[in-house]
Amino acid sequence: MKLVYVFDAYCGWSHGFSATLRETVSRHPELPVEVVSGGLFTGGRRVPIREFGYVQGANAQIAAQTGAGFGEGYERLIADGSFVMDSEAAARGVAALRRVAPDRAVELATALQQAFYVDGLSLSDPATYRRLAAQAGLDADAVVAAFESPVSAGTAADDFRRAAELGVTGFPTLLAVDGGHVVPLALGHATADDVDRRLTAFEATRTSSSHTN
């Protein structure tokens, strides 16, 4: 069994879920975690952030429910309104970080969201990945090269397909996957205790099923 975390780096609720994700992973070191990027802002949704009039209200709700912070750098982007969120570029960044440090995918995915939602850095800019890599003690040249590689573009497309195949329609989604059995542990906001209860119920169901078989 493993956990599959489907998120979008430009999704505020995914940013809000970061603390729950980190806590869940720390409680269950025995479970591998697959991090998958969704495609929230692709195609015709790649427009200036001012086009999404609900953003500030949603962010206030996210902060109230999850305690997640939104920094001054990000607030400046909102105030200016011209920034374009591009989930394909962000997914290439996630793919690049996974490629260089596959065992740190959760940590780096949440750090990527911190870079945007706190520092206001573009996830389309190679300089953001250079900075993040340096902070994480990774080879910055390797991370930037991976981000700019056509391989990462292909991997981003694979991620979007994977999310669709799993039936994910919103972000963040945390799933327990055991063979062909897929169970949602969190859709949007949830606490680590919520996740644990659902995970325990799933494990109990799988155990009773195996005994029956």
Protein backbone atom coordinates (compact mmCIF):
# COMPACT_ATOMS: atom_id res chain seq x y z
CA MET A 1 0.00 0.00 0.00
CA LYS A 2 1.08 3.57 -0.62
CA LEU A 3 -0.20 7.12 -0.39
CA VAL A 4 -0.78 9.14 -3.55
CA TYR A 5 -0.90 12.91 -3.13
CA VAL A 6 -2.45 14.76 -6.06
CA PHE A 7 -2.05 18.52 -5.81
CA ASP A 8 -1.42 21.62 -7.85
CA ALA A 9 1.40 23.90 -6.81
CA TYR A 10 -0.79 26.90 -7.70
CA CYS A 11 -3.74 25.66 -5.61
CA GLY A 12 -4.29 27.57 -2.37
CA TRP A 13 -6.06 24.66 -0.70
CA SER A 14 -3.06 22.45 -1.53
CA HIS A 15 -0.88 25.03 0.21
CA GLY A 16 -3.23 24.87 3.16
CA PHE A 17 -2.97 21.08 3.22
CA SER A 18 0.84 21.11 3.50
CA ALA A 19 0.94 20.84 7.30
CA THR A 20 -1.50 17.91 7.30
CA LEU A 21 0.51 16.18 4.59
CA ARG A 22 3.79 16.58 6.46
CA GLU A 23 2.20 15.32 9.69
CA THR A 24 0.63 12.31 7.95
CA VAL A 25 3.92 11.37 6.32
CA SER A 26 5.78 11.69 9.64
CA ARG A 27 3.21 9.42 11.33
CA HIS A 28 3.46 6.78 8.60
CA PRO A 29 7.10 6.42 7.55
CA GLU A 30 6.29 2.87 6.44
CA LEU A 31 4.11 4.14 3.58
CA PRO A 32 5.73 5.33 0.36
CA VAL A 33 4.25 8.53 -1.04
CA GLU A 34 3.74 9.26 -4.73
CA VAL A 35 3.40 12.99 -5.47
CA VAL A 36 1.39 13.80 -8.60
CA SER A 37 0.79 17.24 -10.14
CA GLY A 38 -2.68 18.21 -11.30
CA GLY A 39 -3.43 20.64 -14.10
CA LEU A 40 -5.49 23.36 -12.47
CA PHE A 41 -4.31 26.31 -14.57
CA THR A 42 -3.70 25.04 -18.09
CA GLY A 43 -5.01 25.98 -21.51
CA GLY A 44 -7.59 28.75 -21.34
CA ARG A 45 -7.19 29.05 -17.56
CA ARG A 46 -3.69 30.50 -17.96
CA VAL A 47 -4.82 34.10 -17.54
CA PRO A 48 -3.79 37.00 -15.27
CA ILE A 49 -4.56 36.30 -11.63
CA ARG A 50 -6.91 39.28 -11.49
CA GLU A 51 -9.32 37.20 -13.61
CA PHE A 52 -9.91 34.98 -10.58
CA GLY A 53 -11.85 37.38 -8.40
CA TYR A 54 -12.43 34.79 -5.68
CA VAL A 55 -8.74 34.37 -4.80
CA GLN A 56 -8.47 36.73 -1.85
CA GLY A 57 -11.69 35.53 -0.24
CA ALA A 58 -10.62 31.91 -0.71
CA ASN A 59 -7.20 32.64 0.78
CA ALA A 60 -8.80 34.14 3.89
CA GLN A 61 -10.88 30.99 4.26
CA ILE A 62 -7.83 28.76 3.74
CA ALA A 63 -5.83 30.67 6.35
CA ALA A 64 -8.71 30.50 8.87
CA GLN A 65 -9.29 26.77 8.41
CA THR A 66 -5.71 25.53 8.04
CA GLY A 67 -3.45 28.17 9.59
CA ALA A 68 -1.46 28.42 6.35
CA GLY A 69 0.33 31.70 5.81
CA PHE A 70 0.34 33.97 2.76
CA GLY A 71 3.37 36.23 2.58
CA GLU A 72 4.01 39.79 1.47
CA GLY A 73 5.64 38.70 -1.79
CA TYR A 74 2.52 36.79 -2.76
CA GLU A 75 0.22 39.61 -1.66
CA ARG A 76 2.11 41.94 -3.98
CA LEU A 77 1.38 39.59 -6.89
CA ILE A 78 -2.31 39.63 -6.02
CA ALA A 79 -2.36 43.42 -5.75
CA ASP A 80 -0.64 43.82 -9.12
CA GLY A 81 -2.96 41.27 -10.75
CA SER A 82 -0.94 40.59 -13.90
CA PHE A 83 0.80 37.38 -12.79
CA VAL A 84 -0.18 34.27 -14.78
CA MET A 85 -0.32 30.94 -12.96
CA ASP A 86 0.84 28.15 -15.29
CA SER A 87 0.30 24.69 -13.84
CA GLU A 88 2.22 23.00 -16.67
CA ALA A 89 5.38 24.91 -15.73
CA ALA A 90 4.82 24.16 -12.04
CA ALA A 91 4.35 20.46 -12.85
CA ARG A 92 7.65 20.51 -14.75
CA GLY A 93 9.21 21.95 -11.61
CA VAL A 94 7.75 19.20 -9.44
CA ALA A 95 8.98 16.62 -11.95
CA ALA A 96 12.48 18.14 -11.90
CA LEU A 97 12.66 18.09 -8.11
CA ARG A 98 11.37 14.50 -7.99
CA ARG A 99 13.98 13.50 -10.52
CA VAL A 100 16.87 14.98 -8.55
CA ALA A 101 15.63 13.99 -5.07
CA PRO A 102 12.93 11.30 -5.42
CA ASP A 103 12.90 10.47 -1.71
CA ARG A 104 12.13 14.11 -0.79
CA ALA A 105 9.14 14.69 -3.06
CA VAL A 106 6.72 15.67 -0.28
CA GLU A 107 9.15 18.09 1.35
CA LEU A 108 10.04 19.73 -1.96
CA ALA A 109 6.44 19.96 -3.19
CA THR A 110 5.44 21.86 -0.06
CA ALA A 111 8.59 24.03 -0.34
CA LEU A 112 7.55 24.90 -3.89
CA GLN A 113 4.18 26.12 -2.63
CA GLN A 114 5.94 28.14 0.05
CA ALA A 115 8.03 29.79 -2.67
CA PHE A 116 4.86 30.99 -4.39
CA TYR A 117 2.40 31.62 -1.57
CA VAL A 118 4.87 33.20 0.85
CA ASP A 119 7.70 34.60 -1.25
CA GLY A 120 5.66 35.40 -4.37
CA LEU A 121 8.11 33.63 -6.71
CA SER A 122 7.07 32.43 -10.16
CA LEU A 123 7.03 28.66 -10.61
CA SER A 124 7.78 29.27 -14.30
CA ASP A 125 11.14 30.90 -13.51
CA PRO A 126 14.30 28.72 -13.44
CA ALA A 127 15.72 31.10 -10.79
CA THR A 128 13.01 29.90 -8.37
CA TYR A 129 14.24 26.31 -8.71
CA ARG A 130 17.85 27.39 -8.34
CA ARG A 131 16.97 29.12 -5.08
CA LEU A 132 14.85 26.24 -3.80
CA ALA A 133 17.56 23.71 -4.67
CA ALA A 134 20.19 25.76 -2.82
CA GLN A 135 17.94 25.98 0.24
CA ALA A 136 17.39 22.21 0.15
CA GLY A 137 21.06 21.38 -0.33
CA LEU A 138 20.51 19.98 -3.83
CA ASP A 139 22.59 20.42 -6.96
CA ALA A 140 21.04 23.63 -8.30
CA ASP A 141 22.43 23.17 -11.82
CA ALA A 142 20.95 19.67 -11.98
CA VAL A 143 17.53 20.89 -10.81
CA VAL A 144 17.43 23.77 -13.32
CA ALA A 145 18.61 21.49 -16.14
CA ALA A 146 15.87 19.00 -15.26
CA PHE A 147 13.27 21.79 -15.16
CA GLU A 148 14.26 22.97 -18.62
CA SER A 149 14.52 19.45 -20.07
CA PRO A 150 11.85 18.14 -22.48
CA VAL A 151 11.73 15.08 -20.24
CA SER A 152 10.08 17.12 -17.48
CA ALA A 153 7.46 18.40 -19.93
CA GLY A 154 6.61 14.80 -20.77
CA THR A 155 6.52 13.88 -17.10
CA ALA A 156 4.16 16.79 -16.37
CA ALA A 157 1.79 15.49 -19.05
CA ASP A 158 2.06 12.02 -17.53
CA ASP A 159 1.14 13.47 -14.13
CA PHE A 160 -1.98 15.13 -15.52
CA ARG A 161 -3.02 11.81 -17.09
CA ARG A 162 -2.30 9.94 -13.86
CA ALA A 163 -4.49 12.35 -11.89
CA ALA A 164 -7.33 11.86 -14.37
CA GLU A 165 -6.96 8.07 -14.31
CA LEU A 166 -7.24 8.14 -10.52
CA GLY A 167 -10.52 10.04 -10.89
CA VAL A 168 -9.21 13.17 -9.18
CA THR A 169 -11.35 16.21 -9.92
CA GLY A 170 -10.15 18.61 -7.21
CA PHE A 171 -7.00 19.49 -5.32
CA PRO A 172 -5.60 18.51 -2.96
CA THR A 173 -6.58 14.84 -2.94
CA LEU A 174 -4.80 12.28 -0.77
CA LEU A 175 -5.44 8.65 -1.67
CA ALA A 176 -4.57 5.28 -0.22
CA VAL A 177 -3.75 2.88 -3.03
CA ASP A 178 -3.40 -0.85 -2.49
CA GLY A 179 -3.27 -2.73 -5.77
CA GLY A 180 -6.50 -1.94 -7.55
CA HIS A 181 -8.12 -0.50 -4.43
CA VAL A 182 -8.15 3.29 -4.24
CA VAL A 183 -9.71 5.14 -1.30
CA PRO A 184 -9.77 8.92 -0.68
CA LEU A 185 -8.23 9.91 2.65
CA ALA A 186 -8.62 13.67 2.14
CA LEU A 187 -10.38 15.88 -0.37
CA GLY A 188 -9.54 19.52 0.22
CA HIS A 189 -9.20 20.32 3.90
CA ALA A 190 -8.60 17.56 6.48
CA THR A 191 -6.56 17.14 9.64
CA ALA A 192 -3.94 14.44 10.16
CA ASP A 193 -6.34 12.79 12.64
CA ASP A 194 -9.05 12.74 9.94
CA VAL A 195 -6.61 11.07 7.57
CA ASP A 196 -5.58 8.54 10.22
CA ARG A 197 -9.18 7.53 10.91
CA ARG A 198 -9.86 6.92 7.22
CA LEU A 199 -6.58 5.10 6.76
CA THR A 200 -7.29 2.82 9.75
CA ALA A 201 -10.76 2.04 8.37
CA PHE A 202 -9.30 1.25 4.95
CA GLU A 203 -6.64 -1.02 6.44
CA ALA A 204 -9.29 -2.82 8.51
CA THR A 205 -11.40 -3.37 5.39
CA ARG A 206 -8.42 -4.71 3.46
CA THR A 207 -7.47 -7.05 6.33
CA SER A 208 -10.98 -8.48 6.67
CA SER A 209 -11.21 -8.85 2.89
CA SER A 210 -7.93 -10.79 2.74
CA HIS A 211 -9.10 -13.06 5.55
CA THR A 212 -12.37 -13.69 3.73
CA ASN A 213 -10.52 -14.55 0.55
